[in-house]
Amino acid sequence: MSRTAIFPGTFNPFTKGHADIVERGLPLFDRVVIAIGCNPDKPESSASALRRAGEIERLYEDDPRIAVEVYSGLTVELALRLGARFILRGVRDTHDFEYERNLAEINRRISGVETVILLSAPELACVSSSAVRELASHGYDVSRFLP
């Protein structure tokens, strides 16, 4: 049985921190599915998620171990539908950890899906999608934060 993990998020945008978690997760799993969450009640959310999916697919087009999926609903339901026994998450600080720990426990209890948490690389711990969006909205070059 293959070891598949899903790496969920909105990835708006997909940063070097996200890419680092994917790369570090690959030795642990046979397959990593980058799962882009969207709200189907908001058409702009779906369109934006599909655009991001295309961008991320192009980044990993040469690696068959990585797939990209757009989804709505509970992450654990996607994991079960894809046959993934693991959810891969990255944490930057203690706040992220506390949130992810609680979510991991709920997911495990309702589905048996385990969460594997990787700590952010120290040099990437300050990078967040929201910070990158904020900088970009003020005209800053954010290319150094994007893969």
N, C-alpha and C. Protein backbone atom coordinates (compact mmCIF):
# COMPACT_ATOMS: atom_id res chain seq x y z
N MET A 1 0.84 -1.18 0.00
CA MET A 1 0.00 0.00 0.00
C MET A 1 0.89 1.24 0.00
N SER A 2 0.59 2.16 -0.89
CA SER A 2 1.42 3.35 -0.98
C SER A 2 1.11 4.32 0.16
N ARG A 3 2.13 5.03 0.55
CA ARG A 3 1.99 6.03 1.61
C ARG A 3 1.73 7.38 0.94
N THR A 4 0.47 7.79 0.97
CA THR A 4 0.09 9.07 0.38
C THR A 4 -0.24 10.05 1.49
N ALA A 5 0.26 11.27 1.33
CA ALA A 5 -0.06 12.36 2.26
C ALA A 5 -0.68 13.49 1.46
N ILE A 6 -1.63 14.16 2.08
CA ILE A 6 -2.11 15.39 1.47
C ILE A 6 -1.54 16.56 2.25
N PHE A 7 -1.18 17.59 1.53
CA PHE A 7 -0.64 18.82 2.10
C PHE A 7 -1.66 19.91 1.79
N PRO A 8 -2.58 20.17 2.75
CA PRO A 8 -3.67 21.10 2.48
C PRO A 8 -3.34 22.56 2.81
N GLY A 9 -4.00 23.44 2.10
CA GLY A 9 -3.88 24.86 2.38
C GLY A 9 -4.56 25.66 1.29
N THR A 10 -4.57 26.97 1.46
CA THR A 10 -5.09 27.81 0.39
C THR A 10 -3.96 28.20 -0.56
N PHE A 11 -2.73 28.24 -0.05
CA PHE A 11 -1.55 28.50 -0.87
C PHE A 11 -1.72 29.75 -1.72
N ASN A 12 -2.11 30.84 -1.06
CA ASN A 12 -2.40 32.08 -1.77
C ASN A 12 -1.46 33.20 -1.31
N PRO A 13 -0.22 33.19 -1.80
CA PRO A 13 0.38 32.33 -2.82
C PRO A 13 1.13 31.14 -2.21
N PHE A 14 1.57 30.25 -3.08
CA PHE A 14 2.41 29.11 -2.72
C PHE A 14 3.82 29.66 -2.55
N THR A 15 4.35 29.58 -1.32
CA THR A 15 5.63 30.21 -0.99
C THR A 15 6.78 29.20 -0.96
N LYS A 16 7.98 29.72 -0.79
CA LYS A 16 9.14 28.86 -0.62
C LYS A 16 9.01 28.00 0.63
N GLY A 17 8.31 28.51 1.63
CA GLY A 17 8.06 27.72 2.84
C GLY A 17 7.21 26.51 2.54
N HIS A 18 6.17 26.70 1.72
CA HIS A 18 5.33 25.56 1.31
C HIS A 18 6.15 24.56 0.50
N ALA A 19 6.92 25.08 -0.45
CA ALA A 19 7.73 24.20 -1.30
C ALA A 19 8.71 23.40 -0.45
N ASP A 20 9.27 24.02 0.58
CA ASP A 20 10.22 23.33 1.46
C ASP A 20 9.54 22.16 2.18
N ILE A 21 8.31 22.36 2.65
CA ILE A 21 7.59 21.28 3.33
C ILE A 21 7.32 20.14 2.35
N VAL A 22 6.93 20.45 1.13
CA VAL A 22 6.70 19.41 0.11
C VAL A 22 7.99 18.63 -0.12
N GLU A 23 9.08 19.32 -0.35
CA GLU A 23 10.36 18.66 -0.63
C GLU A 23 10.82 17.79 0.54
N ARG A 24 10.65 18.27 1.74
CA ARG A 24 11.06 17.50 2.92
C ARG A 24 10.10 16.37 3.23
N GLY A 25 8.85 16.48 2.75
CA GLY A 25 7.89 15.40 2.94
C GLY A 25 8.08 14.25 1.97
N LEU A 26 8.67 14.51 0.82
CA LEU A 26 8.80 13.46 -0.20
C LEU A 26 9.57 12.21 0.28
N PRO A 27 10.64 12.35 1.05
CA PRO A 27 11.30 11.12 1.53
C PRO A 27 10.45 10.30 2.50
N LEU A 28 9.43 10.93 3.09
CA LEU A 28 8.58 10.24 4.06
C LEU A 28 7.41 9.51 3.41
N PHE A 29 7.01 9.97 2.22
CA PHE A 29 5.81 9.45 1.57
C PHE A 29 6.12 9.08 0.13
N ASP A 30 5.32 8.16 -0.40
CA ASP A 30 5.45 7.79 -1.81
C ASP A 30 4.85 8.85 -2.72
N ARG A 31 3.86 9.56 -2.19
CA ARG A 31 3.13 10.54 -2.99
C ARG A 31 2.65 11.66 -2.06
N VAL A 32 2.77 12.90 -2.54
CA VAL A 32 2.24 14.05 -1.81
C VAL A 32 1.25 14.76 -2.73
N VAL A 33 0.04 14.94 -2.23
CA VAL A 33 -0.99 15.67 -2.96
C VAL A 33 -1.12 17.04 -2.33
N ILE A 34 -0.79 18.07 -3.08
CA ILE A 34 -0.97 19.44 -2.63
C ILE A 34 -2.44 19.76 -2.84
N ALA A 35 -3.16 19.94 -1.73
CA ALA A 35 -4.61 20.08 -1.76
C ALA A 35 -5.00 21.53 -1.50
N ILE A 36 -5.53 22.17 -2.53
CA ILE A 36 -5.87 23.59 -2.44
C ILE A 36 -7.34 23.73 -2.09
N GLY A 37 -7.60 24.24 -0.90
CA GLY A 37 -8.97 24.40 -0.45
C GLY A 37 -9.61 25.64 -1.04
N CYS A 38 -10.91 25.50 -1.35
CA CYS A 38 -11.66 26.65 -1.85
C CYS A 38 -13.09 26.58 -1.33
N ASN A 39 -13.75 27.71 -1.37
CA ASN A 39 -15.14 27.81 -0.96
C ASN A 39 -16.00 27.79 -2.22
N PRO A 40 -16.75 26.71 -2.46
CA PRO A 40 -17.53 26.62 -3.70
C PRO A 40 -18.66 27.62 -3.80
N ASP A 41 -19.03 28.25 -2.69
CA ASP A 41 -20.08 29.26 -2.70
C ASP A 41 -19.58 30.61 -3.20
N LYS A 42 -18.28 30.72 -3.36
CA LYS A 42 -17.69 31.96 -3.86
C LYS A 42 -16.99 31.66 -5.18
N PRO A 43 -17.59 32.03 -6.29
CA PRO A 43 -16.99 31.72 -7.60
C PRO A 43 -15.56 32.22 -7.74
N GLU A 44 -15.25 33.37 -7.15
CA GLU A 44 -13.88 33.88 -7.25
C GLU A 44 -12.90 32.98 -6.51
N SER A 45 -13.37 32.31 -5.46
CA SER A 45 -12.52 31.38 -4.72
C SER A 45 -12.15 30.18 -5.58
N SER A 46 -13.13 29.63 -6.26
CA SER A 46 -12.88 28.47 -7.13
C SER A 46 -11.96 28.84 -8.28
N ALA A 47 -12.21 29.98 -8.93
CA ALA A 47 -11.38 30.41 -10.05
C ALA A 47 -9.94 30.66 -9.60
N SER A 48 -9.80 31.31 -8.46
CA SER A 48 -8.47 31.59 -7.92
C SER A 48 -7.74 30.29 -7.55
N ALA A 49 -8.46 29.35 -6.95
CA ALA A 49 -7.85 28.06 -6.57
C ALA A 49 -7.40 27.30 -7.81
N LEU A 50 -8.19 27.33 -8.86
CA LEU A 50 -7.81 26.65 -10.10
C LEU A 50 -6.58 27.29 -10.73
N ARG A 51 -6.49 28.61 -10.67
CA ARG A 51 -5.31 29.30 -11.18
C ARG A 51 -4.07 28.90 -10.39
N ARG A 52 -4.19 28.89 -9.06
CA ARG A 52 -3.05 28.49 -8.22
C ARG A 52 -2.67 27.04 -8.48
N ALA A 53 -3.67 26.19 -8.68
CA ALA A 53 -3.39 24.78 -8.96
C ALA A 53 -2.54 24.65 -10.22
N GLY A 54 -2.90 25.40 -11.25
CA GLY A 54 -2.12 25.36 -12.49
C GLY A 54 -0.68 25.80 -12.28
N GLU A 55 -0.50 26.86 -11.50
CA GLU A 55 0.85 27.36 -11.22
C GLU A 55 1.67 26.31 -10.46
N ILE A 56 1.06 25.68 -9.47
CA ILE A 56 1.77 24.69 -8.67
C ILE A 56 2.05 23.44 -9.49
N GLU A 57 1.10 23.02 -10.32
CA GLU A 57 1.33 21.87 -11.20
C GLU A 57 2.53 22.09 -12.10
N ARG A 58 2.68 23.31 -12.61
CA ARG A 58 3.83 23.61 -13.47
C ARG A 58 5.14 23.49 -12.70
N LEU A 59 5.13 23.88 -11.42
CA LEU A 59 6.35 23.77 -10.61
C LEU A 59 6.82 22.32 -10.49
N TYR A 60 5.87 21.40 -10.41
CA TYR A 60 6.19 20.00 -10.12
C TYR A 60 5.89 19.07 -11.29
N GLU A 61 5.77 19.61 -12.50
CA GLU A 61 5.37 18.79 -13.63
C GLU A 61 6.33 17.64 -13.93
N ASP A 62 7.56 17.73 -13.49
CA ASP A 62 8.53 16.68 -13.75
C ASP A 62 8.64 15.66 -12.62
N ASP A 63 7.82 15.78 -11.61
CA ASP A 63 7.88 14.86 -10.47
C ASP A 63 6.54 14.13 -10.32
N PRO A 64 6.48 12.87 -10.74
CA PRO A 64 5.21 12.13 -10.68
C PRO A 64 4.75 11.81 -9.26
N ARG A 65 5.60 12.05 -8.26
CA ARG A 65 5.22 11.80 -6.88
C ARG A 65 4.35 12.91 -6.30
N ILE A 66 4.24 14.02 -7.03
CA ILE A 66 3.50 15.18 -6.54
C ILE A 66 2.29 15.41 -7.44
N ALA A 67 1.13 15.55 -6.81
CA ALA A 67 -0.11 15.87 -7.52
C ALA A 67 -0.72 17.10 -6.88
N VAL A 68 -1.62 17.74 -7.60
CA VAL A 68 -2.32 18.91 -7.09
C VAL A 68 -3.81 18.68 -7.25
N GLU A 69 -4.56 19.01 -6.22
CA GLU A 69 -6.01 18.79 -6.21
C GLU A 69 -6.68 20.01 -5.60
N VAL A 70 -7.75 20.49 -6.23
CA VAL A 70 -8.58 21.56 -5.65
C VAL A 70 -9.77 20.88 -5.00
N TYR A 71 -10.12 21.32 -3.79
CA TYR A 71 -11.22 20.67 -3.08
C TYR A 71 -11.96 21.67 -2.21
N SER A 72 -13.15 21.25 -1.80
CA SER A 72 -13.91 21.99 -0.80
C SER A 72 -14.39 20.96 0.22
N GLY A 73 -14.77 21.42 1.37
CA GLY A 73 -15.21 20.51 2.41
C GLY A 73 -14.10 20.21 3.38
N LEU A 74 -14.31 19.16 4.15
CA LEU A 74 -13.32 18.79 5.17
C LEU A 74 -12.09 18.15 4.54
N THR A 75 -10.94 18.57 5.01
CA THR A 75 -9.67 18.02 4.52
C THR A 75 -9.61 16.51 4.74
N VAL A 76 -10.08 16.06 5.88
CA VAL A 76 -10.01 14.64 6.19
C VAL A 76 -10.88 13.82 5.23
N GLU A 77 -11.98 14.40 4.75
CA GLU A 77 -12.81 13.71 3.77
C GLU A 77 -12.07 13.55 2.45
N LEU A 78 -11.31 14.58 2.06
CA LEU A 78 -10.49 14.46 0.85
C LEU A 78 -9.44 13.36 1.05
N ALA A 79 -8.81 13.35 2.21
CA ALA A 79 -7.79 12.33 2.48
C ALA A 79 -8.39 10.94 2.32
N LEU A 80 -9.54 10.70 2.90
CA LEU A 80 -10.18 9.39 2.80
C LEU A 80 -10.55 9.07 1.36
N ARG A 81 -11.06 10.06 0.62
CA ARG A 81 -11.44 9.83 -0.77
C ARG A 81 -10.24 9.47 -1.64
N LEU A 82 -9.08 10.06 -1.33
CA LEU A 82 -7.87 9.80 -2.11
C LEU A 82 -7.07 8.60 -1.59
N GLY A 83 -7.52 8.02 -0.50
CA GLY A 83 -6.78 6.90 0.09
C GLY A 83 -5.52 7.34 0.81
N ALA A 84 -5.47 8.60 1.19
CA ALA A 84 -4.31 9.13 1.92
C ALA A 84 -4.47 8.85 3.40
N ARG A 85 -3.45 8.26 3.99
CA ARG A 85 -3.51 7.96 5.42
C ARG A 85 -2.87 9.04 6.28
N PHE A 86 -2.32 10.08 5.59
CA PHE A 86 -1.59 11.11 6.31
C PHE A 86 -1.94 12.50 5.80
N ILE A 87 -1.90 13.46 6.71
CA ILE A 87 -1.98 14.87 6.38
C ILE A 87 -0.63 15.46 6.75
N LEU A 88 -0.01 16.14 5.82
CA LEU A 88 1.29 16.76 6.03
C LEU A 88 1.06 18.24 6.32
N ARG A 89 1.68 18.73 7.39
CA ARG A 89 1.54 20.13 7.76
C ARG A 89 2.90 20.69 8.16
N GLY A 90 3.08 21.96 7.91
CA GLY A 90 4.27 22.67 8.36
C GLY A 90 3.86 23.67 9.43
N VAL A 91 4.70 23.85 10.42
CA VAL A 91 4.43 24.85 11.45
C VAL A 91 5.63 25.78 11.58
N ARG A 92 5.32 27.07 11.77
CA ARG A 92 6.36 28.08 11.89
C ARG A 92 6.67 28.43 13.33
N ASP A 93 5.66 28.32 14.20
CA ASP A 93 5.84 28.76 15.59
C ASP A 93 4.88 28.00 16.50
N THR A 94 4.89 28.36 17.77
CA THR A 94 4.06 27.66 18.74
C THR A 94 2.57 27.87 18.49
N HIS A 95 2.20 29.02 17.97
CA HIS A 95 0.79 29.26 17.66
C HIS A 95 0.31 28.29 16.58
N ASP A 96 1.11 28.16 15.51
CA ASP A 96 0.78 27.19 14.46
C ASP A 96 0.69 25.79 15.05
N PHE A 97 1.66 25.45 15.91
CA PHE A 97 1.70 24.11 16.47
C PHE A 97 0.45 23.79 17.27
N GLU A 98 0.04 24.70 18.15
CA GLU A 98 -1.15 24.45 18.97
C GLU A 98 -2.39 24.24 18.12
N TYR A 99 -2.55 25.07 17.11
CA TYR A 99 -3.69 24.94 16.20
C TYR A 99 -3.65 23.58 15.49
N GLU A 100 -2.50 23.24 14.93
CA GLU A 100 -2.36 21.99 14.17
C GLU A 100 -2.50 20.76 15.06
N ARG A 101 -2.00 20.84 16.29
CA ARG A 101 -2.10 19.71 17.21
C ARG A 101 -3.56 19.39 17.49
N ASN A 102 -4.35 20.40 17.78
CA ASN A 102 -5.76 20.17 18.06
C ASN A 102 -6.51 19.63 16.85
N LEU A 103 -6.24 20.20 15.69
CA LEU A 103 -6.87 19.73 14.47
C LEU A 103 -6.46 18.30 14.16
N ALA A 104 -5.19 17.98 14.36
CA ALA A 104 -4.70 16.63 14.12
C ALA A 104 -5.41 15.61 15.00
N GLU A 105 -5.63 15.97 16.24
CA GLU A 105 -6.31 15.05 17.16
C GLU A 105 -7.75 14.81 16.74
N ILE A 106 -8.45 15.86 16.35
CA ILE A 106 -9.83 15.70 15.87
C ILE A 106 -9.85 14.83 14.62
N ASN A 107 -8.98 15.12 13.67
CA ASN A 107 -8.95 14.35 12.42
C ASN A 107 -8.66 12.87 12.68
N ARG A 108 -7.72 12.61 13.58
CA ARG A 108 -7.39 11.22 13.90
C ARG A 108 -8.58 10.51 14.53
N ARG A 109 -9.26 11.19 15.43
CA ARG A 109 -10.40 10.58 16.11
C ARG A 109 -11.57 10.28 15.18
N ILE A 110 -11.83 11.15 14.22
CA ILE A 110 -12.99 10.93 13.35
C ILE A 110 -12.69 10.06 12.14
N SER A 111 -11.39 9.87 11.82
CA SER A 111 -11.09 9.16 10.58
C SER A 111 -9.93 8.17 10.65
N GLY A 112 -9.09 8.30 11.66
CA GLY A 112 -7.89 7.47 11.70
C GLY A 112 -6.74 8.04 10.88
N VAL A 113 -6.96 9.15 10.18
CA VAL A 113 -5.91 9.79 9.39
C VAL A 113 -4.95 10.50 10.35
N GLU A 114 -3.68 10.19 10.22
CA GLU A 114 -2.65 10.79 11.07
C GLU A 114 -2.10 12.06 10.43
N THR A 115 -1.67 12.99 11.27
CA THR A 115 -1.04 14.21 10.79
C THR A 115 0.44 14.15 11.11
N VAL A 116 1.25 14.46 10.12
CA VAL A 116 2.69 14.55 10.29
C VAL A 116 3.06 16.03 10.19
N ILE A 117 3.69 16.53 11.24
CA ILE A 117 4.03 17.95 11.31
C ILE A 117 5.53 18.11 11.13
N LEU A 118 5.91 18.96 10.18
CA LEU A 118 7.31 19.32 9.98
C LEU A 118 7.51 20.76 10.41
N LEU A 119 8.59 21.01 11.11
CA LEU A 119 8.91 22.37 11.53
C LEU A 119 9.48 23.13 10.34
N SER A 120 9.08 24.37 10.19
CA SER A 120 9.62 25.21 9.12
C SER A 120 11.12 25.35 9.27
N ALA A 121 11.79 25.43 8.14
CA ALA A 121 13.21 25.75 8.17
C ALA A 121 13.35 27.14 8.78
N PRO A 122 14.31 27.34 9.68
CA PRO A 122 14.42 28.63 10.38
C PRO A 122 14.44 29.84 9.44
N GLU A 123 15.12 29.71 8.31
CA GLU A 123 15.22 30.85 7.40
C GLU A 123 13.91 31.14 6.66
N LEU A 124 12.95 30.22 6.75
CA LEU A 124 11.65 30.41 6.09
C LEU A 124 10.51 30.63 7.07
N ALA A 125 10.79 30.58 8.35
CA ALA A 125 9.73 30.65 9.37
C ALA A 125 8.97 31.98 9.34
N CYS A 126 9.60 33.03 8.85
CA CYS A 126 8.93 34.33 8.81
C CYS A 126 8.05 34.49 7.58
N VAL A 127 8.13 33.56 6.64
CA VAL A 127 7.40 33.69 5.38
C VAL A 127 6.00 33.11 5.53
N SER A 128 5.01 33.94 5.28
CA SER A 128 3.62 33.48 5.27
C SER A 128 2.95 34.03 4.02
N SER A 129 1.93 33.33 3.56
CA SER A 129 1.20 33.81 2.39
C SER A 129 0.62 35.20 2.63
N SER A 130 0.08 35.42 3.84
CA SER A 130 -0.53 36.72 4.11
C SER A 130 0.52 37.84 4.10
N ALA A 131 1.71 37.58 4.63
CA ALA A 131 2.77 38.59 4.60
C ALA A 131 3.20 38.87 3.16
N VAL A 132 3.31 37.84 2.35
CA VAL A 132 3.69 38.01 0.94
C VAL A 132 2.62 38.81 0.20
N ARG A 133 1.34 38.49 0.44
CA ARG A 133 0.26 39.26 -0.20
C ARG A 133 0.31 40.72 0.22
N GLU A 134 0.54 40.97 1.50
CA GLU A 134 0.60 42.34 2.01
C GLU A 134 1.74 43.12 1.34
N LEU A 135 2.92 42.51 1.28
CA LEU A 135 4.05 43.18 0.63
C LEU A 135 3.74 43.46 -0.83
N ALA A 136 3.18 42.47 -1.53
CA ALA A 136 2.86 42.63 -2.95
C ALA A 136 1.84 43.75 -3.15
N SER A 137 0.88 43.87 -2.25
CA SER A 137 -0.15 44.90 -2.40
C SER A 137 0.43 46.31 -2.26
N HIS A 138 1.61 46.41 -1.65
CA HIS A 138 2.28 47.70 -1.50
C HIS A 138 3.41 47.88 -2.50
N GLY A 139 3.42 47.01 -3.51
CA GLY A 139 4.37 47.17 -4.60
C GLY A 139 5.75 46.58 -4.39
N TYR A 140 5.95 45.81 -3.33
CA TYR A 140 7.26 45.22 -3.09
C TYR A 140 7.47 43.99 -3.97
N ASP A 141 8.70 43.77 -4.35
CA ASP A 141 9.08 42.58 -5.11
C ASP A 141 9.10 41.41 -4.13
N VAL A 142 8.21 40.45 -4.33
CA VAL A 142 8.11 39.31 -3.41
C VAL A 142 8.71 38.04 -4.01
N SER A 143 9.40 38.17 -5.13
CA SER A 143 9.94 36.99 -5.82
C SER A 143 10.89 36.17 -4.94
N ARG A 144 11.57 36.80 -4.01
CA ARG A 144 12.49 36.06 -3.14
C ARG A 144 11.76 35.09 -2.19
N PHE A 145 10.45 35.26 -2.04
CA PHE A 145 9.66 34.41 -1.15
C PHE A 145 8.89 33.32 -1.90
N LEU A 146 8.96 33.36 -3.23
CA LEU A 146 8.20 32.43 -4.06
C LEU A 146 9.13 31.48 -4.80
N PRO A 147 8.69 30.22 -4.97
CA PRO A 147 9.57 29.28 -5.70
C PRO A 147 9.64 29.62 -7.19
